[in-house]
ModelCIF file with pLDDT and N, C-alpha, C, O atoms, coordinates in Angstrom:
data_MODEL
#
_entry.id   MODEL 
#
_entity.id                         1 
_entity.type                       polymer 
_entity.pdbx_number_of_molecules   1 
#
_entity_poly.entity_id                      1 
_entity_poly.type                           'polypeptide(L)' 
_entity_poly.nstd_linkage                   no 
_entity_poly.nstd_monomer                   no 
_entity_poly.pdbx_seq_one_letter_code       IAVEAARLLEVYQWREPEEVLANAESAEELKDELAD 
_entity_poly.pdbx_seq_one_letter_code_can   IAVEAARLLEVYQWREPEEVLANAESAEELKDELAD 
_entity_poly.pdbx_strand_id                 A 
#
loop_
_entity_poly_seq.entity_id 
_entity_poly_seq.num 
_entity_poly_seq.mon_id 
_entity_poly_seq.hetero 
1 1  ILE n 
1 2  ALA n 
1 3  VAL n 
1 4  GLU n 
1 5  ALA n 
1 6  ALA n 
1 7  ARG n 
1 8  LEU n 
1 9  LEU n 
1 10 GLU n 
1 11 VAL n 
1 12 TYR n 
1 13 GLN n 
1 14 TRP n 
1 15 ARG n 
1 16 GLU n 
1 17 PRO n 
1 18 GLU n 
1 19 GLU n 
1 20 VAL n 
1 21 LEU n 
1 22 ALA n 
1 23 ASN n 
1 24 ALA n 
1 25 GLU n 
1 26 SER n 
1 27 ALA n 
1 28 GLU n 
1 29 GLU n 
1 30 LEU n 
1 31 LYS n 
1 32 ASP n 
1 33 GLU n 
1 34 LEU n 
1 35 ALA n 
1 36 ASP n 
#
_struct_asym.id          A 
_struct_asym.entity_id   1 
#
loop_
_ma_qa_metric.id 
_ma_qa_metric.mode 
_ma_qa_metric.name 
_ma_qa_metric.software_group_id 
_ma_qa_metric.type 
1 global pLDDT . pLDDT 
2 local  pLDDT . pLDDT 
#
_ma_qa_metric_global.metric_id      1 
_ma_qa_metric_global.metric_value   96.58 
_ma_qa_metric_global.model_id       1 
_ma_qa_metric_global.ordinal_id     1 
#
loop_
_ma_qa_metric_local.label_asym_id 
_ma_qa_metric_local.label_comp_id 
_ma_qa_metric_local.label_seq_id 
_ma_qa_metric_local.metric_id 
_ma_qa_metric_local.metric_value 
_ma_qa_metric_local.model_id 
_ma_qa_metric_local.ordinal_id 
A ILE 1  2 98.00 1 1  
A ALA 2  2 98.00 1 2  
A VAL 3  2 98.00 1 3  
A GLU 4  2 98.00 1 4  
A ALA 5  2 98.00 1 5  
A ALA 6  2 98.00 1 6  
A ARG 7  2 98.00 1 7  
A LEU 8  2 97.00 1 8  
A LEU 9  2 97.00 1 9  
A GLU 10 2 97.00 1 10 
A VAL 11 2 97.00 1 11 
A TYR 12 2 96.00 1 12 
A GLN 13 2 95.00 1 13 
A TRP 14 2 95.00 1 14 
A ARG 15 2 95.00 1 15 
A GLU 16 2 94.00 1 16 
A PRO 17 2 93.00 1 17 
A GLU 18 2 95.00 1 18 
A GLU 19 2 96.00 1 19 
A VAL 20 2 96.00 1 20 
A LEU 21 2 95.00 1 21 
A ALA 22 2 96.00 1 22 
A ASN 23 2 96.00 1 23 
A ALA 24 2 96.00 1 24 
A GLU 25 2 96.00 1 25 
A SER 26 2 96.00 1 26 
A ALA 27 2 96.00 1 27 
A GLU 28 2 97.00 1 28 
A GLU 29 2 97.00 1 29 
A LEU 30 2 97.00 1 30 
A LYS 31 2 97.00 1 31 
A ASP 32 2 98.00 1 32 
A GLU 33 2 98.00 1 33 
A LEU 34 2 98.00 1 34 
A ALA 35 2 97.00 1 35 
A ASP 36 2 98.00 1 36 
#
loop_
_atom_site.group_PDB 
_atom_site.id 
_atom_site.type_symbol 
_atom_site.label_atom_id 
_atom_site.label_alt_id 
_atom_site.label_comp_id 
_atom_site.label_asym_id 
_atom_site.label_entity_id 
_atom_site.label_seq_id 
_atom_site.pdbx_PDB_ins_code 
_atom_site.Cartn_x 
_atom_site.Cartn_y 
_atom_site.Cartn_z 
_atom_site.occupancy 
_atom_site.B_iso_or_equiv 
_atom_site.pdbx_formal_charge 
_atom_site.auth_seq_id 
_atom_site.auth_comp_id 
_atom_site.auth_asym_id 
_atom_site.auth_atom_id 
_atom_site.pdbx_PDB_model_num 
ATOM 1   N N  . ILE A 1 1  ? 3.485   0.357  -23.027 1.00 98.00 ? 1  ILE A N  1 
ATOM 2   C CA . ILE A 1 1  ? 2.190   0.597  -23.686 1.00 98.00 ? 1  ILE A CA 1 
ATOM 3   C C  . ILE A 1 1  ? 1.313   -0.652 -23.571 1.00 98.00 ? 1  ILE A C  1 
ATOM 4   O O  . ILE A 1 1  ? 0.128   -0.558 -23.252 1.00 98.00 ? 1  ILE A O  1 
ATOM 5   N N  . ALA A 1 2  ? 1.901   -1.814 -23.832 1.00 98.00 ? 2  ALA A N  1 
ATOM 6   C CA . ALA A 1 2  ? 1.134   -3.064 -23.751 1.00 98.00 ? 2  ALA A CA 1 
ATOM 7   C C  . ALA A 1 2  ? 0.641   -3.318 -22.326 1.00 98.00 ? 2  ALA A C  1 
ATOM 8   O O  . ALA A 1 2  ? -0.492  -3.758 -22.132 1.00 98.00 ? 2  ALA A O  1 
ATOM 9   N N  . VAL A 1 3  ? 1.476   -3.046 -21.342 1.00 98.00 ? 3  VAL A N  1 
ATOM 10  C CA . VAL A 1 3  ? 1.085   -3.236 -19.940 1.00 98.00 ? 3  VAL A CA 1 
ATOM 11  C C  . VAL A 1 3  ? -0.061  -2.299 -19.573 1.00 98.00 ? 3  VAL A C  1 
ATOM 12  O O  . VAL A 1 3  ? -1.040  -2.719 -18.956 1.00 98.00 ? 3  VAL A O  1 
ATOM 13  N N  . GLU A 1 4  ? 0.063   -1.037 -19.951 1.00 98.00 ? 4  GLU A N  1 
ATOM 14  C CA . GLU A 1 4  ? -0.994  -0.076 -19.639 1.00 98.00 ? 4  GLU A CA 1 
ATOM 15  C C  . GLU A 1 4  ? -2.282  -0.394 -20.403 1.00 98.00 ? 4  GLU A C  1 
ATOM 16  O O  . GLU A 1 4  ? -3.377  -0.201 -19.874 1.00 98.00 ? 4  GLU A O  1 
ATOM 17  N N  . ALA A 1 5  ? -2.159  -0.877 -21.637 1.00 98.00 ? 5  ALA A N  1 
ATOM 18  C CA . ALA A 1 5  ? -3.344  -1.278 -22.406 1.00 98.00 ? 5  ALA A CA 1 
ATOM 19  C C  . ALA A 1 5  ? -4.034  -2.457 -21.726 1.00 98.00 ? 5  ALA A C  1 
ATOM 20  O O  . ALA A 1 5  ? -5.263  -2.534 -21.707 1.00 98.00 ? 5  ALA A O  1 
ATOM 21  N N  . ALA A 1 6  ? -3.250  -3.369 -21.173 1.00 98.00 ? 6  ALA A N  1 
ATOM 22  C CA . ALA A 1 6  ? -3.833  -4.499 -20.441 1.00 98.00 ? 6  ALA A CA 1 
ATOM 23  C C  . ALA A 1 6  ? -4.577  -4.005 -19.205 1.00 98.00 ? 6  ALA A C  1 
ATOM 24  O O  . ALA A 1 6  ? -5.647  -4.517 -18.873 1.00 98.00 ? 6  ALA A O  1 
ATOM 25  N N  . ARG A 1 7  ? -4.012  -3.016 -18.529 1.00 98.00 ? 7  ARG A N  1 
ATOM 26  C CA . ARG A 1 7  ? -4.698  -2.443 -17.361 1.00 98.00 ? 7  ARG A CA 1 
ATOM 27  C C  . ARG A 1 7  ? -5.989  -1.739 -17.768 1.00 98.00 ? 7  ARG A C  1 
ATOM 28  O O  . ARG A 1 7  ? -6.975  -1.754 -17.030 1.00 98.00 ? 7  ARG A O  1 
ATOM 29  N N  . LEU A 1 8  ? -5.973  -1.132 -18.930 1.00 97.00 ? 8  LEU A N  1 
ATOM 30  C CA . LEU A 1 8  ? -7.183  -0.503 -19.460 1.00 97.00 ? 8  LEU A CA 1 
ATOM 31  C C  . LEU A 1 8  ? -8.250  -1.569 -19.723 1.00 97.00 ? 8  LEU A C  1 
ATOM 32  O O  . LEU A 1 8  ? -9.419  -1.386 -19.384 1.00 97.00 ? 8  LEU A O  1 
ATOM 33  N N  . LEU A 1 9  ? -7.840  -2.666 -20.322 1.00 97.00 ? 9  LEU A N  1 
ATOM 34  C CA . LEU A 1 9  ? -8.775  -3.766 -20.565 1.00 97.00 ? 9  LEU A CA 1 
ATOM 35  C C  . LEU A 1 9  ? -9.325  -4.335 -19.264 1.00 97.00 ? 9  LEU A C  1 
ATOM 36  O O  . LEU A 1 9  ? -10.492 -4.719 -19.184 1.00 97.00 ? 9  LEU A O  1 
ATOM 37  N N  . GLU A 1 10 ? -8.477  -4.383 -18.257 1.00 97.00 ? 10 GLU A N  1 
ATOM 38  C CA . GLU A 1 10 ? -8.884  -4.931 -16.967 1.00 97.00 ? 10 GLU A CA 1 
ATOM 39  C C  . GLU A 1 10 ? -10.045 -4.142 -16.353 1.00 97.00 ? 10 GLU A C  1 
ATOM 40  O O  . GLU A 1 10 ? -10.872 -4.706 -15.637 1.00 97.00 ? 10 GLU A O  1 
ATOM 41  N N  . VAL A 1 11 ? -10.105 -2.856 -16.632 1.00 97.00 ? 11 VAL A N  1 
ATOM 42  C CA . VAL A 1 11 ? -11.205 -2.027 -16.133 1.00 97.00 ? 11 VAL A CA 1 
ATOM 43  C C  . VAL A 1 11 ? -12.540 -2.577 -16.645 1.00 97.00 ? 11 VAL A C  1 
ATOM 44  O O  . VAL A 1 11 ? -13.547 -2.539 -15.937 1.00 97.00 ? 11 VAL A O  1 
ATOM 45  N N  . TYR A 1 12 ? -12.540 -3.085 -17.879 1.00 96.00 ? 12 TYR A N  1 
ATOM 46  C CA . TYR A 1 12 ? -13.764 -3.595 -18.495 1.00 96.00 ? 12 TYR A CA 1 
ATOM 47  C C  . TYR A 1 12 ? -14.041 -5.065 -18.177 1.00 96.00 ? 12 TYR A C  1 
ATOM 48  O O  . TYR A 1 12 ? -15.142 -5.554 -18.430 1.00 96.00 ? 12 TYR A O  1 
ATOM 49  N N  . GLN A 1 13 ? -13.059 -5.768 -17.629 1.00 95.00 ? 13 GLN A N  1 
ATOM 50  C CA . GLN A 1 13 ? -13.223 -7.208 -17.402 1.00 95.00 ? 13 GLN A CA 1 
ATOM 51  C C  . GLN A 1 13 ? -14.429 -7.487 -16.513 1.00 95.00 ? 13 GLN A C  1 
ATOM 52  O O  . GLN A 1 13 ? -14.553 -6.940 -15.417 1.00 95.00 ? 13 GLN A O  1 
ATOM 53  N N  . TRP A 1 14 ? -15.303 -8.339 -16.999 1.00 95.00 ? 14 TRP A N  1 
ATOM 54  C CA . TRP A 1 14 ? -16.517 -8.809 -16.325 1.00 95.00 ? 14 TRP A CA 1 
ATOM 55  C C  . TRP A 1 14 ? -17.557 -7.716 -16.125 1.00 95.00 ? 14 TRP A C  1 
ATOM 56  O O  . TRP A 1 14 ? -18.450 -7.852 -15.289 1.00 95.00 ? 14 TRP A O  1 
ATOM 57  N N  . ARG A 1 15 ? -17.444 -6.640 -16.883 1.00 95.00 ? 15 ARG A N  1 
ATOM 58  C CA . ARG A 1 15 ? -18.425 -5.552 -16.776 1.00 95.00 ? 15 ARG A CA 1 
ATOM 59  C C  . ARG A 1 15 ? -18.917 -5.163 -18.158 1.00 95.00 ? 15 ARG A C  1 
ATOM 60  O O  . ARG A 1 15 ? -18.217 -5.340 -19.155 1.00 95.00 ? 15 ARG A O  1 
ATOM 61  N N  . GLU A 1 16 ? -20.098 -4.645 -18.202 1.00 94.00 ? 16 GLU A N  1 
ATOM 62  C CA . GLU A 1 16 ? -20.614 -4.047 -19.429 1.00 94.00 ? 16 GLU A CA 1 
ATOM 63  C C  . GLU A 1 16 ? -20.039 -2.636 -19.535 1.00 94.00 ? 16 GLU A C  1 
ATOM 64  O O  . GLU A 1 16 ? -19.787 -1.998 -18.513 1.00 94.00 ? 16 GLU A O  1 
ATOM 65  N N  . PRO A 1 17 ? -19.829 -2.139 -20.750 1.00 93.00 ? 17 PRO A N  1 
ATOM 66  C CA . PRO A 1 17 ? -19.249 -0.796 -20.897 1.00 93.00 ? 17 PRO A CA 1 
ATOM 67  C C  . PRO A 1 17 ? -20.015 0.281  -20.122 1.00 93.00 ? 17 PRO A C  1 
ATOM 68  O O  . PRO A 1 17 ? -19.411 1.194  -19.559 1.00 93.00 ? 17 PRO A O  1 
ATOM 69  N N  . GLU A 1 18 ? -21.326 0.169  -20.097 1.00 95.00 ? 18 GLU A N  1 
ATOM 70  C CA . GLU A 1 18 ? -22.133 1.165  -19.393 1.00 95.00 ? 18 GLU A CA 1 
ATOM 71  C C  . GLU A 1 18 ? -21.848 1.151  -17.893 1.00 95.00 ? 18 GLU A C  1 
ATOM 72  O O  . GLU A 1 18 ? -21.885 2.193  -17.238 1.00 95.00 ? 18 GLU A O  1 
ATOM 73  N N  . GLU A 1 19 ? -21.565 -0.036 -17.355 1.00 96.00 ? 19 GLU A N  1 
ATOM 74  C CA . GLU A 1 19 ? -21.269 -0.153 -15.928 1.00 96.00 ? 19 GLU A CA 1 
ATOM 75  C C  . GLU A 1 19 ? -20.000 0.609  -15.561 1.00 96.00 ? 19 GLU A C  1 
ATOM 76  O O  . GLU A 1 19 ? -19.930 1.252  -14.513 1.00 96.00 ? 19 GLU A O  1 
ATOM 77  N N  . VAL A 1 20 ? -19.008 0.530  -16.427 1.00 96.00 ? 20 VAL A N  1 
ATOM 78  C CA . VAL A 1 20 ? -17.728 1.175  -16.157 1.00 96.00 ? 20 VAL A CA 1 
ATOM 79  C C  . VAL A 1 20 ? -17.914 2.682  -16.015 1.00 96.00 ? 20 VAL A C  1 
ATOM 80  O O  . VAL A 1 20 ? -17.402 3.291  -15.076 1.00 96.00 ? 20 VAL A O  1 
ATOM 81  N N  . LEU A 1 21 ? -18.638 3.273  -16.937 1.00 95.00 ? 21 LEU A N  1 
ATOM 82  C CA . LEU A 1 21 ? -18.827 4.722  -16.912 1.00 95.00 ? 21 LEU A CA 1 
ATOM 83  C C  . LEU A 1 21 ? -19.811 5.166  -15.836 1.00 95.00 ? 21 LEU A C  1 
ATOM 84  O O  . LEU A 1 21 ? -19.735 6.299  -15.361 1.00 95.00 ? 21 LEU A O  1 
ATOM 85  N N  . ALA A 1 22 ? -20.733 4.289  -15.448 1.00 96.00 ? 22 ALA A N  1 
ATOM 86  C CA . ALA A 1 22 ? -21.726 4.646  -14.441 1.00 96.00 ? 22 ALA A CA 1 
ATOM 87  C C  . ALA A 1 22 ? -21.129 4.644  -13.032 1.00 96.00 ? 22 ALA A C  1 
ATOM 88  O O  . ALA A 1 22 ? -21.671 5.280  -12.128 1.00 96.00 ? 22 ALA A O  1 
ATOM 89  N N  . ASN A 1 23 ? -20.038 3.946  -12.847 1.00 96.00 ? 23 ASN A N  1 
ATOM 90  C CA . ASN A 1 23 ? -19.398 3.846  -11.541 1.00 96.00 ? 23 ASN A CA 1 
ATOM 91  C C  . ASN A 1 23 ? -18.234 4.837  -11.489 1.00 96.00 ? 23 ASN A C  1 
ATOM 92  O O  . ASN A 1 23 ? -17.313 4.761  -12.302 1.00 96.00 ? 23 ASN A O  1 
ATOM 93  N N  . ALA A 1 24 ? -18.277 5.753  -10.542 1.00 96.00 ? 24 ALA A N  1 
ATOM 94  C CA . ALA A 1 24 ? -17.259 6.815  -10.469 1.00 96.00 ? 24 ALA A CA 1 
ATOM 95  C C  . ALA A 1 24 ? -15.847 6.258  -10.335 1.00 96.00 ? 24 ALA A C  1 
ATOM 96  O O  . ALA A 1 24 ? -14.919 6.772  -10.961 1.00 96.00 ? 24 ALA A O  1 
ATOM 97  N N  . GLU A 1 25 ? -15.675 5.221  -9.533  1.00 96.00 ? 25 GLU A N  1 
ATOM 98  C CA . GLU A 1 25 ? -14.342 4.652  -9.311  1.00 96.00 ? 25 GLU A CA 1 
ATOM 99  C C  . GLU A 1 25 ? -13.780 4.014  -10.584 1.00 96.00 ? 25 GLU A C  1 
ATOM 100 O O  . GLU A 1 25 ? -12.630 4.255  -10.951 1.00 96.00 ? 25 GLU A O  1 
ATOM 101 N N  . SER A 1 26 ? -14.599 3.202  -11.252 1.00 96.00 ? 26 SER A N  1 
ATOM 102 C CA . SER A 1 26 ? -14.108 2.551  -12.468 1.00 96.00 ? 26 SER A CA 1 
ATOM 103 C C  . SER A 1 26 ? -13.961 3.554  -13.616 1.00 96.00 ? 26 SER A C  1 
ATOM 104 O O  . SER A 1 26 ? -13.077 3.396  -14.459 1.00 96.00 ? 26 SER A O  1 
ATOM 105 N N  . ALA A 1 27 ? -14.811 4.577  -13.659 1.00 96.00 ? 27 ALA A N  1 
ATOM 106 C CA . ALA A 1 27 ? -14.683 5.616  -14.692 1.00 96.00 ? 27 ALA A CA 1 
ATOM 107 C C  . ALA A 1 27 ? -13.367 6.373  -14.518 1.00 96.00 ? 27 ALA A C  1 
ATOM 108 O O  . ALA A 1 27 ? -12.696 6.700  -15.497 1.00 96.00 ? 27 ALA A O  1 
ATOM 109 N N  . GLU A 1 28 ? -13.005 6.646  -13.272 1.00 97.00 ? 28 GLU A N  1 
ATOM 110 C CA . GLU A 1 28 ? -11.732 7.320  -12.988 1.00 97.00 ? 28 GLU A CA 1 
ATOM 111 C C  . GLU A 1 28 ? -10.554 6.422  -13.369 1.00 97.00 ? 28 GLU A C  1 
ATOM 112 O O  . GLU A 1 28 ? -9.565  6.887  -13.937 1.00 97.00 ? 28 GLU A O  1 
ATOM 113 N N  . GLU A 1 29 ? -10.669 5.158  -13.056 1.00 97.00 ? 29 GLU A N  1 
ATOM 114 C CA . GLU A 1 29 ? -9.628  4.186  -13.416 1.00 97.00 ? 29 GLU A CA 1 
ATOM 115 C C  . GLU A 1 29 ? -9.466  4.110  -14.936 1.00 97.00 ? 29 GLU A C  1 
ATOM 116 O O  . GLU A 1 29 ? -8.347  4.065  -15.449 1.00 97.00 ? 29 GLU A O  1 
ATOM 117 N N  . LEU A 1 30 ? -10.592 4.096  -15.645 1.00 97.00 ? 30 LEU A N  1 
ATOM 118 C CA . LEU A 1 30 ? -10.573 4.083  -17.111 1.00 97.00 ? 30 LEU A CA 1 
ATOM 119 C C  . LEU A 1 30 ? -9.817  5.299  -17.650 1.00 97.00 ? 30 LEU A C  1 
ATOM 120 O O  . LEU A 1 30 ? -8.956  5.164  -18.519 1.00 97.00 ? 30 LEU A O  1 
ATOM 121 N N  . LYS A 1 31 ? -10.142 6.478  -17.134 1.00 97.00 ? 31 LYS A N  1 
ATOM 122 C CA . LYS A 1 31 ? -9.486  7.707  -17.581 1.00 97.00 ? 31 LYS A CA 1 
ATOM 123 C C  . LYS A 1 31 ? -7.982  7.661  -17.314 1.00 97.00 ? 31 LYS A C  1 
ATOM 124 O O  . LYS A 1 31 ? -7.182  8.059  -18.161 1.00 97.00 ? 31 LYS A O  1 
ATOM 125 N N  . ASP A 1 32 ? -7.604  7.174  -16.128 1.00 98.00 ? 32 ASP A N  1 
ATOM 126 C CA . ASP A 1 32 ? -6.180  7.094  -15.781 1.00 98.00 ? 32 ASP A CA 1 
ATOM 127 C C  . ASP A 1 32 ? -5.427  6.140  -16.696 1.00 98.00 ? 32 ASP A C  1 
ATOM 128 O O  . ASP A 1 32 ? -4.346  6.474  -17.182 1.00 98.00 ? 32 ASP A O  1 
ATOM 129 N N  . GLU A 1 33 ? -5.978  4.968  -16.933 1.00 98.00 ? 33 GLU A N  1 
ATOM 130 C CA . GLU A 1 33 ? -5.290  3.971  -17.761 1.00 98.00 ? 33 GLU A CA 1 
ATOM 131 C C  . GLU A 1 33 ? -5.229  4.419  -19.223 1.00 98.00 ? 33 GLU A C  1 
ATOM 132 O O  . GLU A 1 33 ? -4.221  4.203  -19.895 1.00 98.00 ? 33 GLU A O  1 
ATOM 133 N N  . LEU A 1 34 ? -6.285  5.031  -19.710 1.00 98.00 ? 34 LEU A N  1 
ATOM 134 C CA . LEU A 1 34 ? -6.268  5.553  -21.078 1.00 98.00 ? 34 LEU A CA 1 
ATOM 135 C C  . LEU A 1 34 ? -5.214  6.649  -21.208 1.00 98.00 ? 34 LEU A C  1 
ATOM 136 O O  . LEU A 1 34 ? -4.480  6.696  -22.196 1.00 98.00 ? 34 LEU A O  1 
ATOM 137 N N  . ALA A 1 35 ? -5.140  7.521  -20.219 1.00 97.00 ? 35 ALA A N  1 
ATOM 138 C CA . ALA A 1 35 ? -4.116  8.575  -20.232 1.00 97.00 ? 35 ALA A CA 1 
ATOM 139 C C  . ALA A 1 35 ? -2.720  7.964  -20.243 1.00 97.00 ? 35 ALA A C  1 
ATOM 140 O O  . ALA A 1 35 ? -1.843  8.452  -20.955 1.00 97.00 ? 35 ALA A O  1 
ATOM 141 N N  . ASP A 1 36 ? -2.500  6.907  -19.469 1.00 98.00 ? 36 ASP A N  1 
ATOM 142 C CA . ASP A 1 36 ? -1.190  6.247  -19.456 1.00 98.00 ? 36 ASP A CA 1 
ATOM 143 C C  . ASP A 1 36 ? -0.821  5.709  -20.837 1.00 98.00 ? 36 ASP A C  1 
ATOM 144 O O  . ASP A 1 36 ? 0.249   5.124  -21.006 1.00 98.00 ? 36 ASP A O  1 
#
């Protein structure tokens, strides 16, 4: 859980939250890591 949570955080690293959701690749990554 801690490892997957770190990967979830990594999606946001150096980005604004809006950027993550606006980019299809990072939005998909966010969904995958949250699901994990």
